[in-house]
């Protein structure tokens, strides 16, 4: 028995470009379970970077979220101050380059 060809058109692929997520300080704080002011402290000290800045409010990406969670873990587990975290970050940057 001959096989009949399906007459329905094949699915068309639509190109999709994904944009990296951008989080406000409040959203980042919620994901990392810290106060939004703590996010801004980390940002002002240069411990996390804003992916972009919209007017006065910085917007953060997944890299900032990862770093924030790591630094909060260090801060809590080893009772490190923000100043100590900053010194540690500076030391690690100096070791890289």
N, C-alpha and C. Protein backbone atom coordinates (compact mmCIF):
# COMPACT_ATOMS: atom_id res chain seq x y z
N UNK A 1 0.84 -1.17 0.00
CA UNK A 1 0.00 0.00 0.00
C UNK A 1 0.89 1.24 0.00
N UNK A 2 0.68 2.22 -0.88
CA UNK A 2 1.52 3.41 -0.96
C UNK A 2 1.31 4.31 0.26
N UNK A 3 2.40 4.94 0.68
CA UNK A 3 2.36 5.87 1.82
C UNK A 3 1.96 7.24 1.28
N UNK A 4 0.94 7.83 1.93
CA UNK A 4 0.50 9.16 1.51
C UNK A 4 1.31 10.22 2.24
N UNK A 5 1.67 11.23 1.49
CA UNK A 5 2.44 12.33 2.06
C UNK A 5 1.50 13.28 2.79
N UNK A 6 1.92 13.73 3.97
CA UNK A 6 1.12 14.67 4.76
C UNK A 6 1.12 16.01 4.07
N UNK A 7 -0.05 16.58 3.87
CA UNK A 7 -0.15 17.86 3.15
C UNK A 7 -0.03 19.08 4.05
N UNK A 8 0.06 18.88 5.37
CA UNK A 8 0.18 20.04 6.27
C UNK A 8 1.61 20.58 6.18
N UNK A 9 1.74 21.89 6.17
CA UNK A 9 3.08 22.47 6.06
C UNK A 9 3.92 22.17 7.30
N UNK A 10 5.21 22.06 7.09
CA UNK A 10 6.13 21.83 8.21
C UNK A 10 6.18 23.07 9.10
N UNK A 11 6.47 22.85 10.35
CA UNK A 11 6.55 23.98 11.29
C UNK A 11 7.69 24.89 10.87
N UNK A 12 7.45 26.18 10.97
CA UNK A 12 8.46 27.17 10.62
C UNK A 12 9.19 27.61 11.88
N UNK A 13 10.48 27.64 11.80
CA UNK A 13 11.27 28.12 12.94
C UNK A 13 11.35 29.64 12.88
N UNK A 14 11.06 30.25 13.98
CA UNK A 14 11.13 31.70 14.06
C UNK A 14 12.36 32.07 14.87
N UNK A 15 13.26 32.85 14.28
CA UNK A 15 14.45 33.23 15.05
C UNK A 15 14.07 34.04 16.29
N UNK A 16 14.73 33.72 17.38
CA UNK A 16 14.45 34.39 18.64
C UNK A 16 15.77 34.81 19.27
N UNK A 17 15.83 36.06 19.64
CA UNK A 17 17.04 36.54 20.29
C UNK A 17 16.72 36.82 21.74
N UNK A 18 17.45 36.17 22.60
CA UNK A 18 17.25 36.34 24.03
C UNK A 18 18.12 37.48 24.53
N UNK A 19 17.59 38.28 25.40
CA UNK A 19 18.34 39.37 26.03
C UNK A 19 18.68 38.96 27.44
N UNK A 20 19.85 39.32 27.89
CA UNK A 20 20.19 38.97 29.27
C UNK A 20 19.21 39.63 30.23
N UNK A 21 18.89 38.94 31.30
CA UNK A 21 17.95 39.53 32.27
C UNK A 21 18.55 40.76 32.93
N UNK A 22 17.70 41.68 33.25
CA UNK A 22 18.09 42.90 33.95
C UNK A 22 17.21 43.03 35.19
N UNK A 23 17.85 43.09 36.34
CA UNK A 23 17.12 43.16 37.60
C UNK A 23 17.35 44.49 38.28
N UNK A 24 16.32 45.02 38.88
CA UNK A 24 16.48 46.21 39.71
C UNK A 24 17.12 45.78 41.02
N UNK A 25 17.54 46.75 41.81
CA UNK A 25 18.15 46.43 43.11
C UNK A 25 17.16 45.68 44.00
N UNK A 26 15.89 46.05 43.93
CA UNK A 26 14.88 45.38 44.75
C UNK A 26 14.68 43.93 44.30
N UNK A 27 14.67 43.70 42.99
CA UNK A 27 14.51 42.33 42.48
C UNK A 27 15.73 41.48 42.84
N UNK A 28 16.91 42.05 42.67
CA UNK A 28 18.13 41.34 43.01
C UNK A 28 18.14 40.98 44.49
N UNK A 29 17.73 41.92 45.32
CA UNK A 29 17.67 41.68 46.76
C UNK A 29 16.70 40.56 47.09
N UNK A 30 15.58 40.53 46.42
CA UNK A 30 14.59 39.48 46.66
C UNK A 30 15.16 38.10 46.30
N UNK A 31 15.83 38.02 45.16
CA UNK A 31 16.41 36.74 44.72
C UNK A 31 17.52 36.28 45.66
N UNK A 32 18.31 37.22 46.17
CA UNK A 32 19.44 36.88 47.04
C UNK A 32 19.05 36.86 48.52
N UNK A 33 17.81 37.21 48.81
CA UNK A 33 17.30 37.24 50.19
C UNK A 33 18.08 38.20 51.09
N UNK A 34 18.31 39.41 50.57
CA UNK A 34 18.94 40.47 51.35
C UNK A 34 18.08 41.73 51.21
N UNK A 35 18.39 42.72 52.00
CA UNK A 35 17.67 43.99 51.91
C UNK A 35 18.14 44.76 50.68
N UNK A 36 17.26 45.47 49.98
CA UNK A 36 17.67 46.23 48.80
C UNK A 36 18.80 47.22 49.06
N UNK A 37 18.85 47.78 50.25
CA UNK A 37 19.93 48.72 50.58
C UNK A 37 21.28 48.01 50.61
N UNK A 38 21.27 46.73 50.97
CA UNK A 38 22.51 45.95 50.98
C UNK A 38 23.03 45.77 49.56
N UNK A 39 22.14 45.57 48.61
CA UNK A 39 22.53 45.46 47.20
C UNK A 39 23.22 46.75 46.76
N UNK A 40 22.63 47.87 47.13
CA UNK A 40 23.22 49.16 46.75
C UNK A 40 24.57 49.40 47.43
N UNK A 41 24.72 48.89 48.66
CA UNK A 41 26.03 48.99 49.34
C UNK A 41 27.08 48.21 48.57
N UNK A 42 26.75 46.99 48.19
CA UNK A 42 27.69 46.18 47.40
C UNK A 42 28.04 46.88 46.10
N UNK A 43 27.05 47.47 45.47
CA UNK A 43 27.25 48.17 44.19
C UNK A 43 28.14 49.41 44.37
N UNK A 44 27.85 50.21 45.39
CA UNK A 44 28.63 51.43 45.64
C UNK A 44 30.09 51.11 45.97
N UNK A 45 30.31 49.99 46.64
CA UNK A 45 31.67 49.59 46.98
C UNK A 45 32.39 48.93 45.80
N UNK A 46 31.67 48.70 44.72
CA UNK A 46 32.28 48.09 43.55
C UNK A 46 32.40 46.58 43.63
N UNK A 47 31.68 45.97 44.56
CA UNK A 47 31.73 44.52 44.71
C UNK A 47 30.86 43.81 43.69
N UNK A 48 29.81 44.46 43.24
CA UNK A 48 29.02 43.96 42.11
C UNK A 48 28.88 45.10 41.11
N UNK A 49 28.77 44.73 39.86
CA UNK A 49 28.66 45.74 38.79
C UNK A 49 27.25 45.76 38.23
N UNK A 50 26.82 46.95 37.88
CA UNK A 50 25.55 47.09 37.19
C UNK A 50 25.76 46.78 35.72
N UNK A 51 24.83 46.04 35.14
CA UNK A 51 24.91 45.73 33.71
C UNK A 51 24.64 46.98 32.90
N UNK A 52 23.76 47.80 33.41
CA UNK A 52 23.46 49.09 32.78
C UNK A 52 22.82 49.98 33.83
N UNK A 53 22.72 51.23 33.51
CA UNK A 53 22.12 52.17 34.45
C UNK A 53 21.05 52.95 33.73
N UNK A 54 19.84 52.81 34.21
CA UNK A 54 18.69 53.50 33.63
C UNK A 54 18.36 54.67 34.55
N UNK A 55 18.57 55.86 34.06
CA UNK A 55 18.43 57.08 34.86
C UNK A 55 19.31 56.97 36.09
N UNK A 56 18.75 56.93 37.29
CA UNK A 56 19.54 56.82 38.52
C UNK A 56 19.63 55.39 39.03
N UNK A 57 18.78 54.51 38.53
CA UNK A 57 18.69 53.15 39.06
C UNK A 57 19.56 52.18 38.28
N UNK A 58 20.47 51.47 38.97
CA UNK A 58 21.28 50.47 38.27
C UNK A 58 20.45 49.22 37.99
N UNK A 59 20.76 48.55 36.90
CA UNK A 59 20.13 47.28 36.56
C UNK A 59 21.22 46.22 36.54
N UNK A 60 20.93 45.09 37.14
CA UNK A 60 21.92 44.03 37.33
C UNK A 60 21.57 42.80 36.50
N UNK A 61 22.60 41.97 36.23
CA UNK A 61 22.38 40.75 35.46
C UNK A 61 22.63 39.53 36.35
N UNK A 62 22.64 38.35 35.73
CA UNK A 62 22.82 37.12 36.49
C UNK A 62 24.20 37.03 37.14
N UNK A 63 25.21 37.63 36.52
CA UNK A 63 26.55 37.63 37.12
C UNK A 63 26.54 38.35 38.47
N UNK A 64 25.86 39.48 38.52
CA UNK A 64 25.77 40.24 39.77
C UNK A 64 25.01 39.43 40.83
N UNK A 65 23.97 38.72 40.40
CA UNK A 65 23.21 37.90 41.34
C UNK A 65 24.09 36.79 41.90
N UNK A 66 24.86 36.14 41.05
CA UNK A 66 25.76 35.08 41.49
C UNK A 66 26.78 35.61 42.50
N UNK A 67 27.42 36.73 42.16
CA UNK A 67 28.42 37.31 43.05
C UNK A 67 27.81 37.74 44.38
N UNK A 68 26.65 38.34 44.32
CA UNK A 68 25.97 38.78 45.54
C UNK A 68 25.70 37.60 46.46
N UNK A 69 25.20 36.52 45.90
CA UNK A 69 24.93 35.34 46.72
C UNK A 69 26.21 34.76 47.32
N UNK A 70 27.29 34.74 46.53
CA UNK A 70 28.56 34.22 47.03
C UNK A 70 29.10 35.09 48.16
N UNK A 71 29.04 36.40 47.98
CA UNK A 71 29.57 37.30 49.01
C UNK A 71 28.72 37.28 50.27
N UNK A 72 27.42 37.15 50.12
CA UNK A 72 26.55 37.05 51.29
C UNK A 72 26.84 35.77 52.06
N UNK A 73 27.13 34.70 51.34
CA UNK A 73 27.48 33.45 52.00
C UNK A 73 28.78 33.60 52.78
N UNK A 74 29.78 34.23 52.16
CA UNK A 74 31.05 34.48 52.86
C UNK A 74 30.84 35.37 54.08
N UNK A 75 30.03 36.40 53.89
CA UNK A 75 29.78 37.35 54.98
C UNK A 75 29.13 36.66 56.17
N UNK A 76 28.17 35.78 55.90
CA UNK A 76 27.46 35.11 56.98
C UNK A 76 28.26 33.98 57.61
N UNK A 77 28.89 33.14 56.77
CA UNK A 77 29.61 31.98 57.29
C UNK A 77 30.87 32.36 58.06
N UNK A 78 31.57 33.41 57.59
CA UNK A 78 32.84 33.78 58.21
C UNK A 78 32.77 35.12 58.94
N UNK A 79 31.59 35.66 59.08
CA UNK A 79 31.38 36.94 59.77
C UNK A 79 32.27 38.05 59.20
N UNK A 80 32.37 38.10 57.88
CA UNK A 80 33.18 39.13 57.22
C UNK A 80 32.38 40.42 57.09
N UNK A 81 33.05 41.53 57.28
CA UNK A 81 32.43 42.82 57.06
C UNK A 81 32.48 43.15 55.57
N UNK A 82 31.76 44.18 55.16
CA UNK A 82 31.82 44.61 53.77
C UNK A 82 33.24 45.08 53.42
N UNK A 83 33.89 45.69 54.38
CA UNK A 83 35.27 46.15 54.15
C UNK A 83 36.19 44.96 53.89
N UNK A 84 36.02 43.90 54.67
CA UNK A 84 36.83 42.69 54.48
C UNK A 84 36.54 42.06 53.12
N UNK A 85 35.28 42.05 52.71
CA UNK A 85 34.93 41.52 51.40
C UNK A 85 35.58 42.34 50.28
N UNK A 86 35.60 43.64 50.50
CA UNK A 86 36.21 44.53 49.49
C UNK A 86 37.72 44.26 49.38
N UNK A 87 38.38 44.10 50.51
CA UNK A 87 39.81 43.79 50.50
C UNK A 87 40.07 42.43 49.84
N UNK A 88 39.22 41.47 50.14
CA UNK A 88 39.36 40.15 49.52
C UNK A 88 39.19 40.24 48.00
N UNK A 89 38.18 41.00 47.56
CA UNK A 89 37.95 41.17 46.12
C UNK A 89 39.13 41.86 45.45
N UNK A 90 39.70 42.87 46.11
CA UNK A 90 40.86 43.56 45.55
C UNK A 90 42.06 42.62 45.46
N UNK A 91 42.24 41.80 46.48
CA UNK A 91 43.35 40.84 46.47
C UNK A 91 43.19 39.85 45.33
N UNK A 92 41.98 39.33 45.15
CA UNK A 92 41.74 38.36 44.08
C UNK A 92 41.93 38.98 42.70
N UNK A 93 41.52 40.24 42.54
CA UNK A 93 41.73 40.93 41.26
C UNK A 93 43.22 41.13 40.99
N UNK A 94 43.99 41.44 42.03
CA UNK A 94 45.43 41.65 41.86
C UNK A 94 46.11 40.33 41.48
N UNK A 95 45.61 39.22 41.99
CA UNK A 95 46.17 37.90 41.67
C UNK A 95 45.90 37.51 40.23
N UNK A 96 44.76 37.97 39.68
CA UNK A 96 44.39 37.63 38.30
C UNK A 96 45.26 38.35 37.28
N UNK A 97 45.58 39.59 37.56
CA UNK A 97 46.28 40.36 36.54
C UNK A 97 47.48 40.97 37.04
